[in-house]
Amino acid sequence: MRIVIDLRKDANANVVLNQLYKHTQLQDSFGVIMLALVDGKPQVLNLKEVLHYYIKHQEDVITRRTRYELAKAEARAHILEGLTIALDNLDAVITTIRESRTAEIAKEALMTGFKLSDKQAQAILDLRLQRLTGLEREKIEEEYKDTLKAIEEYKAILADEQKVLAIIKDELRAVKEKYGDERRTKLTVDTSEIDVEDLIAEEDVVITLSHNDYIKRMPLATYKNQKRGGVGIKGMATKEADFVEDILITTTHHTILFFTSRGRVFQLKAYEIPESSRQAKGTALINLLQLESEEKIQAIIQVKGVGDDQFLFMATRKGIVKKTAVSEFANIRKVGLIALSLDDDDVLIGVKPTDGESSLMLGTKSGMAIAFSEEDVRAMGRSARGVKGISLREGDEVVGMDLLRRNAEVLTVTEEGFGKRTSVEEYRTQSRGGKGIINLKVTEKTGPVVGIKVVNEDQELMLITAGGIVIRMNVADISVYGRSSQGVKLMSTGEEDQVVALATVEQKNE
């Protein structure tokens, strides 16, 4: 039977196919009954018990096989011992045989004269004349020595259980080398169910996180483009004394990693974050993640896929940096994992995915910046503390980190809504741990720097204030200035409002 389903132009074929997998027998599953005979009795086993009894069975097979080989080798050694005696007394043996009238008389004479067993005497009578040559005699003697050596090995195996287990390992490795190939199936938590992600269309979304850890998801189209200097639109309704602290542009299928003030990391799929309207305050993260008391989310990033050449580069407020392979964050438990070890007075301020060969920049609150190669920082484990990325002056702290790209600009934004673009060519690469160079001339009018981003002209910028006001503008509309300048007014903030976060997004035709 062939079934053809015509879809509308705006339908997602993969989602429809997965719905068919889930609700019809287009894809089916089957169970495995782990029933086996154990000591002659039927018993349902788990995987560990199956392996245990399999190894026990293999031990029995190896032991019985070795006993058989030992008996066979001892029987052969007995015959070879008799042949050796005959070869050592060849003339006397030939004379005894020639003087005997029958084979039985000859056998009795050999057994009596040379103290041989019945089997040894019969083997001598069955010996061909060609075996009496010098070369054949050497072969018999060599075989006798090899057989005695094999007997010693068989006895050693039967006397030592570890040798039996070693043989089992070697034979399993031989089977693996001969028949083993790459796994053709993927092990999942429950292969009988369709992954929820397969039933959700992939679309661009904005994720906002408030200072008091309220989070929500909205379609990217919620924010329409505005010109530079505009007032913006309301992005999130917040409680009194709360303000929006982080925004992330991602898709519904991306994994979101949440790095906390205590150096732990949690993960959620973007679609697992509840969708809300522009005016809603969102959902408290404590309802989604197992956060401890006083623990606060300090950085959120998106990842999709895990490779051996992918890393997460982290920076802290005190200028400490660390590089860790993305693969170490592949399986994060619900209770979270340690992302990095922090000093008591330090917090995480930024995390970036890298390829191991990137160049990075750190920007500080007082307007300093340092650019250095990622290769200056070796890859470390999740629980490592890290190394110094920049030497800070008293009272200064790191507020931003980003990857440097050719033909791009460094975008710097201050609390009072000032900002500018500066060519990355003006930031020379230095050694990790230096004091850096001037990035922006901080004054009372501009306020301290709140963040830096490496941008291109075809991107858009989103700014968000402590009061929850969001503005979206073209990066190309922001003027280009030198490193030591103050920049221009990007956003009109109220008397008691300040810019607290920024994010960039690729422009798309709507």
Protein backbone atom coordinates (compact mmCIF):
# COMPACT_ATOMS: atom_id res chain seq x y z
CA MET A 1 0.00 0.00 0.00
CA ARG A 2 1.29 3.46 -0.90
CA ILE A 3 -0.24 6.51 0.79
CA VAL A 4 0.39 10.06 -0.45
CA ILE A 5 -0.45 13.00 1.80
CA ASP A 6 -0.55 16.45 0.19
CA LEU A 7 0.38 19.28 2.56
CA ARG A 8 -0.33 23.00 2.47
CA LYS A 9 2.59 25.21 1.50
CA ASP A 10 2.96 26.51 5.04
CA ALA A 11 2.88 23.04 6.68
CA ASN A 12 5.97 21.49 8.26
CA ALA A 13 6.41 18.04 6.66
CA ASN A 14 8.62 16.70 9.45
CA VAL A 15 6.09 17.60 12.14
CA VAL A 16 3.29 15.90 10.20
CA LEU A 17 5.44 12.80 9.67
CA ASN A 18 6.26 12.59 13.37
CA GLN A 19 2.60 12.96 14.27
CA LEU A 20 1.95 9.93 12.05
CA TYR A 21 4.72 8.04 13.82
CA LYS A 22 3.15 8.85 17.19
CA HIS A 23 -0.54 8.27 16.49
CA THR A 24 -0.49 5.44 13.89
CA GLN A 25 1.32 2.14 13.29
CA LEU A 26 3.55 3.74 10.68
CA GLN A 27 6.21 3.09 13.32
CA ASP A 28 5.75 0.33 15.91
CA SER A 29 7.66 -1.01 18.90
CA PHE A 30 8.16 -4.44 20.45
CA GLY A 31 9.21 -5.74 23.84
CA VAL A 32 11.97 -8.14 24.81
CA ILE A 33 11.27 -10.91 27.35
CA MET A 34 14.43 -11.50 29.38
CA LEU A 35 13.51 -15.08 30.31
CA ALA A 36 16.27 -17.67 30.66
CA LEU A 37 17.04 -20.99 32.33
CA VAL A 38 19.24 -20.46 35.40
CA ASP A 39 20.47 -23.71 36.97
CA GLY A 40 17.63 -25.49 35.20
CA LYS A 41 14.94 -23.10 36.46
CA PRO A 42 13.19 -20.37 34.37
CA GLN A 43 13.96 -16.88 35.62
CA VAL A 44 13.36 -13.31 34.34
CA LEU A 45 16.69 -11.44 34.38
CA ASN A 46 17.72 -7.82 34.14
CA LEU A 47 20.62 -6.71 31.94
CA LYS A 48 23.23 -7.01 34.69
CA GLU A 49 22.06 -10.51 35.59
CA VAL A 50 22.13 -11.56 31.91
CA LEU A 51 25.75 -10.43 31.67
CA HIS A 52 26.61 -12.16 34.97
CA TYR A 53 25.21 -15.52 33.90
CA TYR A 54 26.69 -15.17 30.42
CA ILE A 55 30.17 -14.71 31.91
CA LYS A 56 29.51 -17.62 34.29
CA HIS A 57 28.50 -19.76 31.28
CA GLN A 58 31.64 -18.73 29.42
CA GLU A 59 33.76 -19.69 32.43
CA ASP A 60 32.16 -23.15 32.35
CA VAL A 61 32.75 -23.42 28.59
CA ILE A 62 36.42 -22.42 28.90
CA THR A 63 36.97 -24.80 31.86
CA ARG A 64 35.37 -27.80 30.13
CA ARG A 65 37.16 -27.03 26.87
CA THR A 66 40.50 -26.73 28.65
CA ARG A 67 39.97 -30.03 30.48
CA TYR A 68 39.21 -31.69 27.16
CA GLU A 69 42.29 -30.18 25.53
CA LEU A 70 44.38 -31.21 28.56
CA ALA A 71 43.20 -34.84 28.37
CA LYS A 72 43.85 -34.86 24.63
CA ALA A 73 47.33 -33.37 25.08
CA GLU A 74 48.22 -35.83 27.88
CA ALA A 75 47.13 -38.76 25.70
CA ARG A 76 49.26 -37.48 22.84
CA ALA A 77 52.20 -36.85 25.16
CA HIS A 78 51.93 -40.47 26.34
CA ILE A 79 52.18 -41.73 22.75
CA LEU A 80 55.04 -39.35 21.92
CA GLU A 81 56.90 -40.48 25.03
CA GLY A 82 56.70 -44.08 23.80
CA LEU A 83 57.87 -43.12 20.32
CA THR A 84 60.79 -41.23 21.86
CA ILE A 85 61.81 -44.34 23.82
CA ALA A 86 61.59 -46.39 20.65
CA LEU A 87 63.73 -43.90 18.69
CA ASP A 88 66.32 -43.88 21.49
CA ASN A 89 66.51 -47.70 21.31
CA LEU A 90 65.84 -48.07 17.61
CA ASP A 91 68.07 -51.09 16.85
CA ALA A 92 66.78 -53.08 19.82
CA VAL A 93 63.17 -52.26 18.95
CA ILE A 94 63.65 -53.36 15.30
CA THR A 95 65.34 -56.60 16.42
CA THR A 96 62.50 -57.33 18.88
CA ILE A 97 59.88 -56.82 16.17
CA ARG A 98 61.76 -58.93 13.57
CA GLU A 99 62.17 -61.83 16.00
CA SER A 100 58.44 -61.86 16.89
CA ARG A 101 56.21 -64.25 14.90
CA THR A 102 53.01 -62.14 15.33
CA ALA A 103 52.03 -58.53 16.12
CA GLU A 104 50.65 -59.54 19.50
CA ILE A 105 53.92 -61.26 20.45
CA ALA A 106 55.82 -58.15 19.28
CA LYS A 107 53.58 -55.86 21.37
CA GLU A 108 54.07 -58.00 24.49
CA ALA A 109 57.82 -58.05 23.92
CA LEU A 110 57.98 -54.26 23.55
CA MET A 111 55.87 -53.70 26.67
CA THR A 112 58.05 -56.08 28.68
CA GLY A 113 61.43 -55.09 27.31
CA PHE A 114 61.01 -51.31 27.32
CA LYS A 115 58.34 -50.84 30.02
CA LEU A 116 55.78 -49.40 27.60
CA SER A 117 52.00 -49.25 27.86
CA ASP A 118 49.66 -51.03 25.48
CA LYS A 119 48.93 -47.80 23.54
CA GLN A 120 52.62 -46.89 23.33
CA ALA A 121 53.56 -50.32 22.04
CA GLN A 122 50.75 -50.23 19.46
CA ALA A 123 51.89 -46.75 18.30
CA ILE A 124 55.43 -48.12 17.76
CA LEU A 125 54.09 -51.02 15.70
CA ASP A 126 51.99 -48.55 13.63
CA LEU A 127 55.03 -46.31 13.03
CA ARG A 128 55.93 -45.97 9.35
CA LEU A 129 59.49 -46.52 8.28
CA GLN A 130 59.72 -42.96 6.90
CA ARG A 131 59.34 -41.65 10.46
CA LEU A 132 62.71 -43.23 11.26
CA THR A 133 64.60 -40.64 9.20
CA GLY A 134 66.56 -38.01 11.05
CA LEU A 135 64.23 -35.14 10.11
CA GLU A 136 61.12 -37.06 11.15
CA ARG A 137 62.73 -38.01 14.46
CA GLU A 138 63.40 -34.31 15.15
CA LYS A 139 59.73 -33.53 14.42
CA ILE A 140 58.60 -36.14 16.95
CA GLU A 141 60.92 -34.72 19.61
CA GLU A 142 59.77 -31.13 18.89
CA GLU A 143 56.11 -32.18 19.03
CA TYR A 144 56.74 -33.90 22.37
CA LYS A 145 58.26 -30.69 23.82
CA ASP A 146 55.39 -28.53 22.51
CA THR A 147 52.82 -30.95 23.92
CA LEU A 148 54.42 -30.86 27.38
CA LYS A 149 54.40 -27.05 27.25
CA ALA A 150 50.71 -27.03 26.27
CA ILE A 151 49.92 -29.37 29.17
CA GLU A 152 51.54 -26.90 31.59
CA GLU A 153 49.47 -24.03 30.15
CA TYR A 154 46.21 -25.99 30.40
CA LYS A 155 46.92 -26.89 34.03
CA ALA A 156 47.78 -23.24 34.81
CA ILE A 157 44.46 -22.09 33.31
CA LEU A 158 42.47 -24.61 35.34
CA ALA A 159 44.27 -23.54 38.52
CA ASP A 160 43.71 -19.76 38.09
CA GLU A 161 40.26 -18.16 37.60
CA GLN A 162 41.84 -14.90 36.39
CA LYS A 163 43.41 -16.73 33.45
CA VAL A 164 39.97 -18.06 32.52
CA LEU A 165 38.54 -14.50 32.59
CA ALA A 166 41.48 -13.27 30.50
CA ILE A 167 40.68 -15.86 27.83
CA ILE A 168 37.03 -14.75 27.82
CA LYS A 169 38.16 -11.13 27.27
CA ASP A 170 40.54 -12.09 24.44
CA GLU A 171 37.90 -14.15 22.66
CA LEU A 172 35.30 -11.39 22.98
CA ARG A 173 37.79 -8.88 21.57
CA ALA A 174 38.44 -11.22 18.64
CA VAL A 175 34.69 -11.42 17.97
CA LYS A 176 34.48 -7.62 18.19
CA GLU A 177 37.34 -7.13 15.70
CA LYS A 178 35.83 -9.63 13.27
CA TYR A 179 32.16 -8.69 13.47
CA GLY A 180 32.01 -5.31 15.25
CA ASP A 181 30.94 -2.24 13.32
CA GLU A 182 29.53 1.19 14.14
CA ARG A 183 26.26 1.18 16.08
CA ARG A 184 23.37 1.58 13.68
CA THR A 185 20.79 2.46 16.33
CA LYS A 186 20.63 5.26 18.87
CA LEU A 187 20.01 4.50 22.54
CA THR A 188 17.44 6.83 24.08
CA VAL A 189 15.53 7.02 27.34
CA ASP A 190 12.39 5.56 25.74
CA THR A 191 12.60 4.43 22.12
CA SER A 192 8.87 3.73 21.99
CA GLU A 193 7.99 7.41 22.16
CA ILE A 194 8.53 10.21 19.66
CA ASP A 195 10.76 12.99 20.96
CA VAL A 196 8.63 16.00 21.86
CA GLU A 197 11.05 18.19 19.89
CA ASP A 198 10.08 16.35 16.69
CA LEU A 199 6.49 17.56 17.14
CA ILE A 200 7.41 21.24 17.54
CA ALA A 201 8.11 23.50 14.59
CA GLU A 202 11.45 25.32 14.74
CA GLU A 203 10.97 29.09 14.89
CA ASP A 204 12.88 32.13 16.13
CA VAL A 205 12.05 33.24 19.67
CA VAL A 206 13.14 35.79 22.25
CA ILE A 207 13.82 34.56 25.77
CA THR A 208 13.90 37.17 28.53
CA LEU A 209 15.17 36.68 32.08
CA SER A 210 14.58 39.17 34.89
CA HIS A 211 16.84 40.05 37.80
CA ASN A 212 14.64 37.98 40.13
CA ASP A 213 14.82 35.02 37.70
CA TYR A 214 11.45 35.27 35.96
CA ILE A 215 11.70 33.83 32.45
CA LYS A 216 9.45 33.69 29.40
CA ARG A 217 9.50 32.93 25.69
CA MET A 218 8.03 35.10 22.91
CA PRO A 219 8.11 34.97 19.08
CA LEU A 220 10.83 37.19 17.65
CA ALA A 221 8.23 39.00 15.53
CA THR A 222 6.86 40.50 18.76
CA TYR A 223 9.43 43.30 18.46
CA LYS A 224 9.11 45.51 15.40
CA ASN A 225 12.09 47.42 14.08
CA GLN A 226 12.53 51.03 15.33
CA LYS A 227 14.96 53.82 14.46
CA ARG A 228 17.93 54.79 16.62
CA GLY A 229 17.02 57.04 19.55
CA GLY A 230 13.46 55.74 19.89
CA VAL A 231 11.70 55.13 23.17
CA GLY A 232 11.09 51.38 22.60
CA ILE A 233 8.21 49.10 23.57
CA LYS A 234 7.41 47.24 26.75
CA GLY A 235 9.11 43.85 26.70
CA MET A 236 8.20 42.42 30.11
CA ALA A 237 6.03 43.46 33.02
CA THR A 238 8.09 43.19 36.18
CA LYS A 239 7.38 43.31 39.86
CA GLU A 240 8.44 46.30 41.90
CA ALA A 241 12.23 46.23 42.56
CA ASP A 242 12.71 43.72 39.72
CA PHE A 243 14.10 44.41 36.24
CA VAL A 244 14.93 42.51 33.07
CA GLU A 245 18.56 41.40 33.12
CA ASP A 246 19.12 39.06 30.16
CA ILE A 247 17.67 38.51 26.69
CA LEU A 248 18.49 35.73 24.24
CA ILE A 249 17.65 35.32 20.58
CA THR A 250 17.36 31.60 19.75
CA THR A 251 15.04 28.96 18.24
CA THR A 252 12.57 26.57 19.85
CA HIS A 253 14.85 23.57 19.19
CA HIS A 254 18.00 24.93 20.80
CA THR A 255 19.19 23.78 24.22
CA ILE A 256 19.54 26.61 26.71
CA LEU A 257 22.27 26.33 29.34
CA PHE A 258 21.74 28.29 32.56
CA PHE A 259 24.91 29.21 34.47
CA THR A 260 24.33 30.24 38.06
CA SER A 261 26.09 32.49 40.54
CA ARG A 262 27.43 29.39 42.30
CA GLY A 263 29.11 28.01 39.21
CA ARG A 264 26.46 25.40 38.42
CA VAL A 265 24.85 24.79 35.04
CA PHE A 266 21.31 23.62 34.19
CA GLN A 267 19.69 22.98 30.82
CA LEU A 268 16.26 23.38 29.23
CA LYS A 269 15.03 23.14 25.68
CA ALA A 270 13.76 26.52 24.48
CA TYR A 271 10.27 25.09 23.89
CA GLU A 272 10.18 23.93 27.55
CA ILE A 273 10.16 27.58 28.63
CA PRO A 274 6.51 28.73 28.84
CA GLU A 275 5.43 31.17 26.14
CA SER A 276 3.93 34.43 27.39
CA SER A 277 2.72 37.74 26.02
CA ARG A 278 4.81 40.91 25.87
CA GLN A 279 3.26 42.33 29.02
CA ALA A 280 3.48 39.14 31.14
CA LYS A 281 6.22 38.86 33.75
CA GLY A 282 6.91 35.21 32.90
CA THR A 283 7.47 32.11 35.02
CA ALA A 284 9.75 31.91 38.07
CA LEU A 285 12.81 29.84 37.13
CA ILE A 286 12.63 28.03 40.47
CA ASN A 287 9.55 26.28 39.01
CA LEU A 288 11.63 25.02 36.06
CA LEU A 289 15.08 24.45 37.61
CA GLN A 290 16.16 23.06 40.97
CA LEU A 291 17.81 26.26 42.20
CA GLU A 292 19.02 26.54 45.76
CA SER A 293 18.18 29.41 48.03
CA GLU A 294 20.09 32.62 47.16
CA GLU A 295 21.29 31.03 43.89
CA LYS A 296 20.85 33.30 40.87
CA ILE A 297 21.15 32.78 37.12
CA GLN A 298 24.10 34.78 35.82
CA ALA A 299 24.40 33.69 32.16
CA ILE A 300 22.28 31.86 29.59
CA ILE A 301 23.59 30.54 26.25
CA GLN A 302 22.29 28.32 23.49
CA VAL A 303 23.90 25.17 22.11
CA LYS A 304 22.85 22.84 19.31
CA GLY A 305 24.89 19.69 18.70
CA VAL A 306 28.06 18.45 20.40
CA GLY A 307 31.44 18.08 18.67
CA ASP A 308 34.99 17.23 19.75
CA ASP A 309 36.24 20.63 18.52
CA GLN A 310 33.61 22.73 20.30
CA PHE A 311 34.21 24.54 23.57
CA LEU A 312 32.48 26.89 25.98
CA PHE A 313 34.62 29.86 26.98
CA MET A 314 33.66 31.45 30.32
CA ALA A 315 34.63 34.70 32.01
CA THR A 316 33.98 35.97 35.52
CA ARG A 317 33.56 39.42 37.04
CA LYS A 318 37.07 39.24 38.53
CA GLY A 319 38.68 38.61 35.14
CA ILE A 320 39.06 34.81 35.41
CA VAL A 321 38.56 32.87 32.17
CA LYS A 322 38.13 29.16 31.45
CA LYS A 323 37.65 26.92 28.40
CA THR A 324 35.73 23.64 28.67
CA ALA A 325 34.65 21.18 25.95
CA VAL A 326 30.93 21.31 25.11
CA SER A 327 30.83 17.51 25.37
CA GLU A 328 31.24 17.81 29.15
CA PHE A 329 27.81 19.49 29.26
CA ALA A 330 26.04 16.84 27.13
CA ASN A 331 24.25 15.09 29.98
CA ILE A 332 23.17 17.54 32.65
CA ARG A 333 21.10 16.14 35.50
CA LYS A 334 18.01 17.91 36.80
CA VAL A 335 19.96 18.94 39.89
CA GLY A 336 22.57 20.64 37.67
CA LEU A 337 26.34 20.19 37.23
CA ILE A 338 29.40 22.15 38.32
CA ALA A 339 30.40 24.48 35.47
CA LEU A 340 33.39 26.14 37.18
CA SER A 341 34.76 26.73 40.66
CA LEU A 342 34.36 30.35 41.78
CA ASP A 343 35.95 32.46 44.49
CA ASP A 344 33.55 33.61 47.22
CA ASP A 345 33.35 37.17 45.83
CA ASP A 346 33.22 36.25 42.11
CA VAL A 347 30.38 35.54 39.66
CA LEU A 348 30.10 34.42 36.06
CA ILE A 349 29.45 37.21 33.51
CA GLY A 350 29.71 35.54 30.10
CA VAL A 351 29.87 32.24 28.21
CA LYS A 352 30.63 31.82 24.48
CA PRO A 353 30.82 28.72 22.24
CA THR A 354 34.19 28.54 20.42
CA ASP A 355 36.11 26.28 18.03
CA GLY A 356 39.39 26.23 19.98
CA GLU A 357 41.15 28.72 17.69
CA SER A 358 39.16 31.91 18.22
CA SER A 359 40.22 35.31 19.53
CA LEU A 360 38.28 36.85 22.39
CA MET A 361 37.77 40.23 23.99
CA LEU A 362 36.97 41.17 27.57
CA GLY A 363 35.45 44.59 28.33
CA THR A 364 35.39 46.23 31.75
CA LYS A 365 33.04 48.64 33.50
CA SER A 366 35.63 51.43 33.47
CA GLY A 367 36.06 51.27 29.68
CA MET A 368 39.13 49.01 29.37
CA ALA A 369 39.35 46.02 27.03
CA ILE A 370 41.77 43.22 26.22
CA ALA A 371 41.93 40.97 23.14
CA PHE A 372 43.80 37.65 23.26
CA SER A 373 43.90 34.28 21.52
CA GLU A 374 41.81 31.42 22.86
CA GLU A 375 44.87 29.20 22.43
CA ASP A 376 46.40 31.01 25.43
CA VAL A 377 43.89 29.14 27.61
CA ARG A 378 44.09 25.34 27.74
CA ALA A 379 40.92 23.24 27.93
CA MET A 380 39.93 22.39 31.51
CA GLY A 381 37.40 20.19 33.26
CA ARG A 382 34.04 21.46 34.45
CA SER A 383 35.07 21.92 38.07
CA ALA A 384 38.33 23.82 37.35
CA ARG A 385 38.68 27.45 38.50
CA GLY A 386 40.30 28.88 35.36
CA VAL A 387 43.13 31.36 34.75
CA LYS A 388 43.50 35.15 34.73
CA GLY A 389 42.17 36.78 31.56
CA ILE A 390 42.71 40.45 32.47
CA SER A 391 44.37 42.34 35.32
CA LEU A 392 41.78 44.70 36.78
CA ARG A 393 42.33 48.00 38.51
CA GLU A 394 40.84 48.52 41.94
CA GLY A 395 37.05 48.88 41.73
CA ASP A 396 36.86 47.69 38.13
CA GLU A 397 35.15 44.54 36.91
CA VAL A 398 34.50 42.68 33.66
CA VAL A 399 31.07 43.40 32.11
CA GLY A 400 31.30 41.72 28.73
CA MET A 401 33.01 39.10 26.61
CA ASP A 402 32.71 38.26 22.90
CA LEU A 403 34.51 36.53 20.01
CA LEU A 404 36.48 38.71 17.59
CA ARG A 405 35.82 38.43 13.85
CA ARG A 406 37.51 39.99 10.84
CA ASN A 407 35.84 43.00 9.20
CA ALA A 408 33.61 43.47 12.25
CA GLU A 409 33.18 46.19 14.87
CA VAL A 410 33.14 46.21 18.64
CA LEU A 411 29.84 47.62 19.89
CA THR A 412 30.02 49.22 23.34
CA VAL A 413 26.98 50.39 25.32
CA THR A 414 26.83 52.34 28.59
CA GLU A 415 24.24 52.64 31.35
CA GLU A 416 23.01 56.05 30.15
CA GLY A 417 22.22 54.72 26.67
CA PHE A 418 25.42 55.84 24.91
CA GLY A 419 27.10 53.55 22.42
CA LYS A 420 29.41 53.30 19.44
CA ARG A 421 30.99 50.95 16.99
CA THR A 422 34.79 50.63 16.79
CA SER A 423 36.72 48.59 14.21
CA VAL A 424 38.25 45.41 15.64
CA GLU A 425 41.49 46.43 13.88
CA GLU A 426 42.00 49.03 16.62
CA TYR A 427 42.28 46.27 19.25
CA ARG A 428 45.69 44.66 19.00
CA THR A 429 46.03 41.10 20.27
CA GLN A 430 47.79 40.94 23.63
CA SER A 431 48.87 38.19 25.98
CA ARG A 432 46.28 36.84 28.36
CA GLY A 433 46.38 38.45 31.79
CA GLY A 434 47.42 41.98 30.75
CA LYS A 435 45.75 45.25 31.77
CA GLY A 436 44.30 45.88 28.30
CA ILE A 437 43.74 49.15 26.40
CA ILE A 438 41.11 51.92 26.43
CA ASN A 439 37.82 50.85 24.83
CA LEU A 440 35.53 53.80 25.71
CA LYS A 441 36.06 57.04 27.59
CA VAL A 442 33.74 56.68 30.56
CA THR A 443 32.29 59.91 32.00
CA GLU A 444 29.45 60.86 34.32
CA LYS A 445 27.35 61.60 31.24
CA THR A 446 27.85 58.16 29.69
CA GLY A 447 27.82 56.13 32.87
CA PRO A 448 29.78 52.87 33.23
CA VAL A 449 29.94 50.34 30.40
CA VAL A 450 27.21 47.67 30.66
CA GLY A 451 28.32 45.40 27.83
CA ILE A 452 30.25 44.85 24.61
CA LYS A 453 29.34 42.92 21.46
CA VAL A 454 31.24 42.15 18.25
CA VAL A 455 28.82 43.02 15.42
CA ASN A 456 28.36 43.41 11.66
CA GLU A 457 26.30 46.03 9.83
CA ASP A 458 23.66 43.50 8.76
CA GLN A 459 22.70 42.78 12.36
CA GLU A 460 20.21 44.43 14.65
CA LEU A 461 20.67 45.51 18.25
CA MET A 462 18.22 45.08 21.12
CA LEU A 463 18.70 47.18 24.28
CA ILE A 464 16.80 46.60 27.50
CA THR A 465 16.56 48.78 30.59
CA ALA A 466 16.04 48.09 34.28
CA GLY A 467 12.41 49.18 33.85
CA GLY A 468 11.82 46.51 31.20
CA ILE A 469 11.82 48.83 28.15
CA VAL A 470 13.15 47.22 24.95
CA ILE A 471 14.31 48.98 21.78
CA ARG A 472 15.38 47.34 18.52
CA MET A 473 17.52 49.14 15.93
CA ASN A 474 19.84 48.49 12.98
CA VAL A 475 23.51 48.20 13.91
CA ALA A 476 24.31 50.09 10.69
CA ASP A 477 22.57 53.15 12.19
CA ILE A 478 25.09 53.33 15.04
CA SER A 479 28.06 55.61 14.34
CA VAL A 480 31.64 54.35 14.13
CA TYR A 481 34.11 56.05 16.51
CA GLY A 482 37.64 55.47 17.79
CA ARG A 483 38.44 53.54 20.94
CA SER A 484 38.77 56.50 23.30
CA SER A 485 35.56 58.30 22.27
CA GLN A 486 32.25 58.38 24.19
CA GLY A 487 29.93 57.43 21.32
CA VAL A 488 26.41 58.71 20.65
CA LYS A 489 23.01 58.45 22.33
CA LEU A 490 21.40 55.14 21.29
CA MET A 491 18.43 55.10 23.67
CA SER A 492 16.61 57.74 25.66
CA THR A 493 16.43 56.49 29.24
CA GLY A 494 14.34 57.99 32.00
CA GLU A 495 15.83 59.81 34.98
CA GLU A 496 15.63 56.68 37.15
CA ASP A 497 16.13 54.11 34.39
CA GLN A 498 19.34 52.61 33.03
CA VAL A 499 20.39 50.21 30.28
CA VAL A 500 21.18 46.82 31.82
CA ALA A 501 21.55 44.40 28.88
CA LEU A 502 21.99 44.18 25.11
CA ALA A 503 21.67 41.47 22.47
CA THR A 504 22.16 41.22 18.70
CA VAL A 505 20.00 39.50 16.11
CA GLU A 506 20.42 38.79 12.40
CA GLN A 507 18.12 40.82 10.15
CA LYS A 508 15.45 38.83 8.30
CA ASN A 509 12.90 39.73 5.66
CA GLU A 510 9.48 39.76 7.29
